[in-house]
PDB file of N, CA and C in Angstrom:
ATOM      1  N   MET A   1       0.839  -1.176   0.000  1.00  0.00           N
ATOM      2  CA  MET A   1       0.000   0.000   0.000  1.00  0.00           C
ATOM      3  C   MET A   1       0.888   1.245   0.000  1.00  0.00           C
ATOM      4  N   TYR A   2       0.641   2.163  -0.898  1.00  0.00           N
ATOM      5  CA  TYR A   2       1.432   3.376  -1.038  1.00  0.00           C
ATOM      6  C   TYR A   2       0.899   4.450  -0.109  1.00  0.00           C
ATOM      7  N   MET A   3       1.760   4.963   0.749  1.00  0.00           N
ATOM      8  CA  MET A   3       1.378   6.019   1.670  1.00  0.00           C
ATOM      9  C   MET A   3       1.697   7.371   1.042  1.00  0.00           C
ATOM     10  N   THR A   4       0.925   8.389   1.389  1.00  0.00           N
ATOM     11  CA  THR A   4       1.210   9.739   0.947  1.00  0.00           C
ATOM     12  C   THR A   4       2.386  10.270   1.757  1.00  0.00           C
ATOM     13  N   HIS A   5       3.296  10.905   1.084  1.00  0.00           N
ATOM     14  CA  HIS A   5       4.491  11.424   1.750  1.00  0.00           C
ATOM     15  C   HIS A   5       4.927  12.684   1.015  1.00  0.00           C
ATOM     16  N   LYS A   6       5.278  13.707   1.745  1.00  0.00           N
ATOM     17  CA  LYS A   6       5.715  14.979   1.169  1.00  0.00           C
ATOM     18  C   LYS A   6       7.226  15.141   1.307  1.00  0.00           C
ATOM     19  N   CYS A   7       7.792  15.882   0.392  1.00  0.00           N
ATOM     20  CA  CYS A   7       9.197  16.266   0.455  1.00  0.00           C
ATOM     21  C   CYS A   7       9.450  16.984   1.783  1.00  0.00           C
ATOM     22  N   HIS A   8      10.579  16.690   2.421  1.00  0.00           N
ATOM     23  CA  HIS A   8      10.902  17.308   3.708  1.00  0.00           C
ATOM     24  C   HIS A   8      11.557  18.678   3.581  1.00  0.00           C
ATOM     25  N   ALA A   9      11.806  19.143   2.372  1.00  0.00           N
ATOM     26  CA  ALA A   9      12.365  20.487   2.214  1.00  0.00           C
ATOM     27  C   ALA A   9      11.323  21.507   2.666  1.00  0.00           C
ATOM     28  N   VAL A  10      11.783  22.522   3.355  1.00  0.00           N
ATOM     29  CA  VAL A  10      10.895  23.550   3.882  1.00  0.00           C
ATOM     30  C   VAL A  10      10.097  24.186   2.744  1.00  0.00           C
ATOM     31  N   GLY A  11       8.775  24.163   2.870  1.00  0.00           N
ATOM     32  CA  GLY A  11       7.895  24.800   1.904  1.00  0.00           C
ATOM     33  C   GLY A  11       7.563  23.989   0.666  1.00  0.00           C
ATOM     34  N   CYS A  12       8.089  22.787   0.528  1.00  0.00           N
ATOM     35  CA  CYS A  12       7.818  21.965  -0.655  1.00  0.00           C
ATOM     36  C   CYS A  12       6.650  21.022  -0.380  1.00  0.00           C
ATOM     37  N   ASP A  13       5.710  20.975  -1.292  1.00  0.00           N
ATOM     38  CA  ASP A  13       4.536  20.111  -1.148  1.00  0.00           C
ATOM     39  C   ASP A  13       4.522  18.953  -2.138  1.00  0.00           C
ATOM     40  N   CYS A  14       5.662  18.659  -2.757  1.00  0.00           N
ATOM     41  CA  CYS A  14       5.720  17.565  -3.728  1.00  0.00           C
ATOM     42  C   CYS A  14       5.449  16.222  -3.057  1.00  0.00           C
ATOM     43  N   ASN A  15       4.622  15.404  -3.694  1.00  0.00           N
ATOM     44  CA  ASN A  15       4.419  14.028  -3.238  1.00  0.00           C
ATOM     45  C   ASN A  15       5.576  13.180  -3.747  1.00  0.00           C
ATOM     46  N   ILE A  16       6.128  12.374  -2.845  1.00  0.00           N
ATOM     47  CA  ILE A  16       7.267  11.526  -3.187  1.00  0.00           C
ATOM     48  C   ILE A  16       7.070  10.147  -2.570  1.00  0.00           C
ATOM     49  N   PRO A  17       7.822   9.138  -3.035  1.00  0.00           N
ATOM     50  CA  PRO A  17       7.740   7.819  -2.396  1.00  0.00           C
ATOM     51  C   PRO A  17       8.145   7.929  -0.919  1.00  0.00           C
ATOM     52  N   PRO A  18       7.482   7.205  -0.036  1.00  0.00           N
ATOM     53  CA  PRO A  18       7.766   7.306   1.399  1.00  0.00           C
ATOM     54  C   PRO A  18       9.214   7.042   1.800  1.00  0.00           C
ATOM     55  N   LYS A  19       9.933   6.225   1.031  1.00  0.00           N
ATOM     56  CA  LYS A  19      11.320   5.949   1.416  1.00  0.00           C
ATOM     57  C   LYS A  19      12.269   7.084   1.048  1.00  0.00           C
ATOM     58  N   HIS A  20      11.796   8.071   0.297  1.00  0.00           N
ATOM     59  CA  HIS A  20      12.639   9.197  -0.091  1.00  0.00           C
ATOM     60  C   HIS A  20      12.490  10.344   0.898  1.00  0.00           C
ATOM     61  N   LEU A  21      13.566  11.060   1.098  1.00  0.00           N
ATOM     62  CA  LEU A  21      13.558  12.205   2.002  1.00  0.00           C
ATOM     63  C   LEU A  21      13.020  13.450   1.311  1.00  0.00           C
ATOM     64  N   MET A  22      13.413  13.638   0.061  1.00  0.00           N
ATOM     65  CA  MET A  22      13.047  14.853  -0.664  1.00  0.00           C
ATOM     66  C   MET A  22      12.747  14.552  -2.125  1.00  0.00           C
ATOM     67  N   CYS A  23      12.084  15.515  -2.757  1.00  0.00           N
ATOM     68  CA  CYS A  23      11.836  15.430  -4.195  1.00  0.00           C
ATOM     69  C   CYS A  23      13.181  15.543  -4.919  1.00  0.00           C
ATOM     70  N   PRO A  24      13.243  15.137  -6.180  1.00  0.00           N
ATOM     71  CA  PRO A  24      14.517  15.190  -6.913  1.00  0.00           C
ATOM     72  C   PRO A  24      15.157  16.582  -6.942  1.00  0.00           C
ATOM     73  N   THR A  25      14.359  17.618  -7.090  1.00  0.00           N
ATOM     74  CA  THR A  25      14.902  18.980  -7.140  1.00  0.00           C
ATOM     75  C   THR A  25      15.640  19.330  -5.855  1.00  0.00           C
ATOM     76  N   HIS A  26      15.007  19.048  -4.723  1.00  0.00           N
ATOM     77  CA  HIS A  26      15.645  19.383  -3.448  1.00  0.00           C
ATOM     78  C   HIS A  26      16.752  18.392  -3.080  1.00  0.00           C
ATOM     79  N   TRP A  27      16.592  17.134  -3.443  1.00  0.00           N
ATOM     80  CA  TRP A  27      17.631  16.141  -3.152  1.00  0.00           C
ATOM     81  C   TRP A  27      18.950  16.542  -3.809  1.00  0.00           C
ATOM     82  N   GLU A  28      18.893  17.092  -5.010  1.00  0.00           N
ATOM     83  CA  GLU A  28      20.101  17.536  -5.715  1.00  0.00           C
ATOM     84  C   GLU A  28      20.820  18.650  -4.961  1.00  0.00           C
ATOM     85  N   MET A  29      20.115  19.353  -4.103  1.00  0.00           N
ATOM     86  CA  MET A  29      20.697  20.451  -3.326  1.00  0.00           C
ATOM     87  C   MET A  29      21.380  19.957  -2.047  1.00  0.00           C
ATOM     88  N   VAL A  30      21.128  18.723  -1.667  1.00  0.00           N
ATOM     89  CA  VAL A  30      21.744  18.147  -0.467  1.00  0.00           C
ATOM     90  C   VAL A  30      23.200  17.823  -0.791  1.00  0.00           C
ATOM     91  N   PRO A  31      24.145  18.276   0.036  1.00  0.00           N
ATOM     92  CA  PRO A  31      25.544  17.937  -0.220  1.00  0.00           C
ATOM     93  C   PRO A  31      25.731  16.419  -0.338  1.00  0.00           C
ATOM     94  N   LYS A  32      26.583  16.024  -1.263  1.00  0.00           N
ATOM     95  CA  LYS A  32      26.795  14.602  -1.568  1.00  0.00           C
ATOM     96  C   LYS A  32      27.114  13.791  -0.313  1.00  0.00           C
ATOM     97  N   ILE A  33      27.918  14.324   0.577  1.00  0.00           N
ATOM     98  CA  ILE A  33      28.288  13.586   1.782  1.00  0.00           C
ATOM     99  C   ILE A  33      27.060  13.296   2.657  1.00  0.00           C
ATOM    100  N   LEU A  34      26.111  14.234   2.691  1.00  0.00           N
ATOM    101  CA  LEU A  34      24.878  13.999   3.453  1.00  0.00           C
ATOM    102  C   LEU A  34      23.962  13.026   2.723  1.00  0.00           C
ATOM    103  N   GLN A  35      23.933  13.091   1.391  1.00  0.00           N
ATOM    104  CA  GLN A  35      23.152  12.107   0.630  1.00  0.00           C
ATOM    105  C   GLN A  35      23.640  10.697   0.952  1.00  0.00           C
ATOM    106  N   GLN A  36      24.951  10.531   0.929  1.00  0.00           N
ATOM    107  CA  GLN A  36      25.525   9.212   1.211  1.00  0.00           C
ATOM    108  C   GLN A  36      25.203   8.763   2.633  1.00  0.00           C
ATOM    109  N   ALA A  37      25.262   9.678   3.582  1.00  0.00           N
ATOM    110  CA  ALA A  37      24.963   9.338   4.975  1.00  0.00           C
ATOM    111  C   ALA A  37      23.494   8.969   5.154  1.00  0.00           C
ATOM    112  N   ILE A  38      22.603   9.677   4.468  1.00  0.00           N
ATOM    113  CA  ILE A  38      21.168   9.345   4.546  1.00  0.00           C
ATOM    114  C   ILE A  38      20.960   7.894   4.135  1.00  0.00           C
ATOM    115  N   TRP A  39      21.533   7.500   2.996  1.00  0.00           N
ATOM    116  CA  TRP A  39      21.344   6.121   2.529  1.00  0.00           C
ATOM    117  C   TRP A  39      22.090   5.111   3.404  1.00  0.00           C
ATOM    118  N   ARG A  40      23.210   5.525   3.991  1.00  0.00           N
ATOM    119  CA  ARG A  40      23.949   4.621   4.884  1.00  0.00           C
ATOM    120  C   ARG A  40      23.110   4.282   6.120  1.00  0.00           C
ATOM    121  N   TYR A  41      22.400   5.265   6.644  1.00  0.00           N
ATOM    122  CA  TYR A  41      21.631   5.049   7.873  1.00  0.00           C
ATOM    123  C   TYR A  41      20.154   4.735   7.630  1.00  0.00           C
ATOM    124  N   TYR A  42      19.731   4.751   6.372  1.00  0.00           N
ATOM    125  CA  TYR A  42      18.359   4.357   6.044  1.00  0.00           C
ATOM    126  C   TYR A  42      18.210   2.852   6.263  1.00  0.00           C
ATOM    127  N   ARG A  43      17.133   2.471   6.922  1.00  0.00           N
ATOM    128  CA  ARG A  43      16.823   1.048   7.138  1.00  0.00           C
ATOM    129  C   ARG A  43      15.555   0.731   6.360  1.00  0.00           C
ATOM    130  N   PRO A  44      15.609  -0.204   5.413  1.00  0.00           N
ATOM    131  CA  PRO A  44      14.397  -0.543   4.671  1.00  0.00           C
ATOM    132  C   PRO A  44      13.241  -0.847   5.628  1.00  0.00           C
ATOM    133  N   GLY A  45      12.122  -0.211   5.375  1.00  0.00           N
ATOM    134  CA  GLY A  45      10.935  -0.407   6.202  1.00  0.00           C
ATOM    135  C   GLY A  45      10.738   0.650   7.273  1.00  0.00           C
ATOM    136  N   GLN A  46      11.731   1.520   7.484  1.00  0.00           N
ATOM    137  CA  GLN A  46      11.571   2.534   8.532  1.00  0.00           C
ATOM    138  C   GLN A  46      10.445   3.509   8.210  1.00  0.00           C
ATOM    139  N   GLU A  47      10.141   3.658   6.922  1.00  0.00           N
ATOM    140  CA  GLU A  47       9.034   4.537   6.540  1.00  0.00           C
ATOM    141  C   GLU A  47       7.685   3.892   6.829  1.00  0.00           C
ATOM    142  N   ILE A  48       7.685   2.599   7.060  1.00  0.00           N
ATOM    143  CA  ILE A  48       6.455   1.869   7.378  1.00  0.00           C
ATOM    144  C   ILE A  48       6.249   1.792   8.887  1.00  0.00           C
ATOM    145  N   ASP A  49       7.306   1.402   9.606  1.00  0.00           N
ATOM    146  CA  ASP A  49       7.151   1.258  11.066  1.00  0.00           C
ATOM    147  C   ASP A  49       7.414   2.554  11.832  1.00  0.00           C
ATOM    148  N   LYS A  50       7.847   3.588  11.108  1.00  0.00           N
ATOM    149  CA  LYS A  50       8.071   4.914  11.701  1.00  0.00           C
ATOM    150  C   LYS A  50       9.107   4.893  12.823  1.00  0.00           C
ATOM    151  N   CYS A  51      10.138   4.054  12.673  1.00  0.00           N
ATOM    152  CA  CYS A  51      11.186   3.930  13.698  1.00  0.00           C
ATOM    153  C   CYS A  51      12.584   4.104  13.103  1.00  0.00           C
ATOM    154  N   PRO A  52      12.880   5.265  12.498  1.00  0.00           N
ATOM    155  CA  PRO A  52      14.238   5.466  12.004  1.00  0.00           C
ATOM    156  C   PRO A  52      15.202   5.599  13.181  1.00  0.00           C
ATOM    157  N   SER A  53      16.461   5.337  12.927  1.00  0.00           N
ATOM    158  CA  SER A  53      17.467   5.445  13.984  1.00  0.00           C
ATOM    159  C   SER A  53      17.713   6.913  14.341  1.00  0.00           C
ATOM    160  N   ALA A  54      18.268   7.116  15.515  1.00  0.00           N
ATOM    161  CA  ALA A  54      18.627   8.468  15.948  1.00  0.00           C
ATOM    162  C   ALA A  54      19.645   9.077  14.983  1.00  0.00           C
ATOM    163  N   LYS A  55      20.573   8.270  14.492  1.00  0.00           N
ATOM    164  CA  LYS A  55      21.588   8.758  13.557  1.00  0.00           C
ATOM    165  C   LYS A  55      20.943   9.197  12.244  1.00  0.00           C
ATOM    166  N   TYR A  56      19.976   8.426  11.750  1.00  0.00           N
ATOM    167  CA  TYR A  56      19.266   8.811  10.526  1.00  0.00           C
ATOM    168  C   TYR A  56      18.576  10.162  10.736  1.00  0.00           C
ATOM    169  N   LEU A  57      17.891  10.317  11.862  1.00  0.00           N
ATOM    170  CA  LEU A  57      17.181  11.569  12.143  1.00  0.00           C
ATOM    171  C   LEU A  57      18.145  12.749  12.246  1.00  0.00           C
ATOM    172  N   GLU A  58      19.307  12.509  12.813  1.00  0.00           N
ATOM    173  CA  GLU A  58      20.328  13.558  12.921  1.00  0.00           C
ATOM    174  C   GLU A  58      20.788  14.005  11.533  1.00  0.00           C
ATOM    175  N   ILE A  59      21.087  13.046  10.672  1.00  0.00           N
ATOM    176  CA  ILE A  59      21.543  13.359   9.313  1.00  0.00           C
ATOM    177  C   ILE A  59      20.408  13.991   8.507  1.00  0.00           C
ATOM    178  N   MET A  60      19.202  13.505   8.687  1.00  0.00           N
ATOM    179  CA  MET A  60      18.042  14.060   7.996  1.00  0.00           C
ATOM    180  C   MET A  60      17.900  15.549   8.316  1.00  0.00           C
ATOM    181  N   GLU A  61      18.011  15.906   9.582  1.00  0.00           N
ATOM    182  CA  GLU A  61      17.902  17.309   9.989  1.00  0.00           C
ATOM    183  C   GLU A  61      18.998  18.150   9.343  1.00  0.00           C
ATOM    184  N   LYS A  62      20.208  17.625   9.276  1.00  0.00           N
ATOM    185  CA  LYS A  62      21.309  18.348   8.631  1.00  0.00           C
ATOM    186  C   LYS A  62      21.020  18.569   7.151  1.00  0.00           C
ATOM    187  N   ALA A  63      20.445  17.576   6.491  1.00  0.00           N
ATOM    188  CA  ALA A  63      20.108  17.699   5.068  1.00  0.00           C
ATOM    189  C   ALA A  63      19.024  18.753   4.859  1.00  0.00           C
ATOM    190  N   ILE A  64      18.016  18.751   5.712  1.00  0.00           N
ATOM    191  CA  ILE A  64      16.930  19.737   5.609  1.00  0.00           C
ATOM    192  C   ILE A  64      17.479  21.148   5.801  1.00  0.00           C
ATOM    193  N   VAL A  65      18.334  21.322   6.790  1.00  0.00           N
ATOM    194  CA  VAL A  65      18.936  22.634   7.049  1.00  0.00           C
ATOM    195  C   VAL A  65      19.821  23.055   5.874  1.00  0.00           C
ATOM    196  N   ALA A  66      20.594  22.143   5.333  1.00  0.00           N
ATOM    197  CA  ALA A  66      21.473  22.466   4.202  1.00  0.00           C
ATOM    198  C   ALA A  66      20.670  22.980   3.014  1.00  0.00           C
ATOM    199  N   VAL A  67      19.552  22.336   2.724  1.00  0.00           N
ATOM    200  CA  VAL A  67      18.710  22.778   1.607  1.00  0.00           C
ATOM    201  C   VAL A  67      18.088  24.132   1.926  1.00  0.00           C
ATOM    202  N   ALA A  68      17.601  24.303   3.138  1.00  0.00           N
ATOM    203  CA  ALA A  68      16.986  25.579   3.526  1.00  0.00           C
ATOM    204  C   ALA A  68      18.000  26.723   3.412  1.00  0.00           C
ATOM    205  N   GLN A  69      19.223  26.478   3.828  1.00  0.00           N
ATOM    206  CA  GLN A  69      20.258  27.514   3.757  1.00  0.00           C
ATOM    207  C   GLN A  69      20.674  27.808   2.322  1.00  0.00           C
ATOM    208  N   SER A  70      20.613  26.816   1.463  1.00  0.00           N
ATOM    209  CA  SER A  70      21.023  27.032   0.071  1.00  0.00           C
ATOM    210  C   SER A  70      19.959  27.761  -0.737  1.00  0.00           C
ATOM    211  N   THR A  71      18.728  27.820  -0.214  1.00  0.00           N
ATOM    212  CA  THR A  71      17.654  28.507  -0.943  1.00  0.00           C
ATOM    213  C   THR A  71      17.405  29.909  -0.413  1.00  0.00           C
ATOM    214  N   VAL A  72      18.143  30.319   0.613  1.00  0.00           N
ATOM    215  CA  VAL A  72      17.993  31.668   1.158  1.00  0.00           C
ATOM    216  C   VAL A  72      18.627  32.647   0.185  1.00  0.00           C
ATOM    217  N   VAL A  73      17.878  33.684  -0.156  1.00  0.00           N
ATOM    218  CA  VAL A  73      18.380  34.680  -1.122  1.00  0.00           C
ATOM    219  C   VAL A  73      18.741  35.953  -0.410  1.00  0.00           C
TER     220      VAL A  73
END
């Protein structure tokens, strides 16, 4: 069953697959090292059981902040 999930970038309402953190546009703005860390700490099924690791949540927050800072004009 496909769940509705929105991009985690501030102000973005794009629908994306639940296992993804952001839409493609915003994901490209995440520094490569954080992209790699997100996938390193992603556990298949965490989007279903809603139990990501503390490390995943830490990296996720850094990615969200990085995108928000890169879009400030």
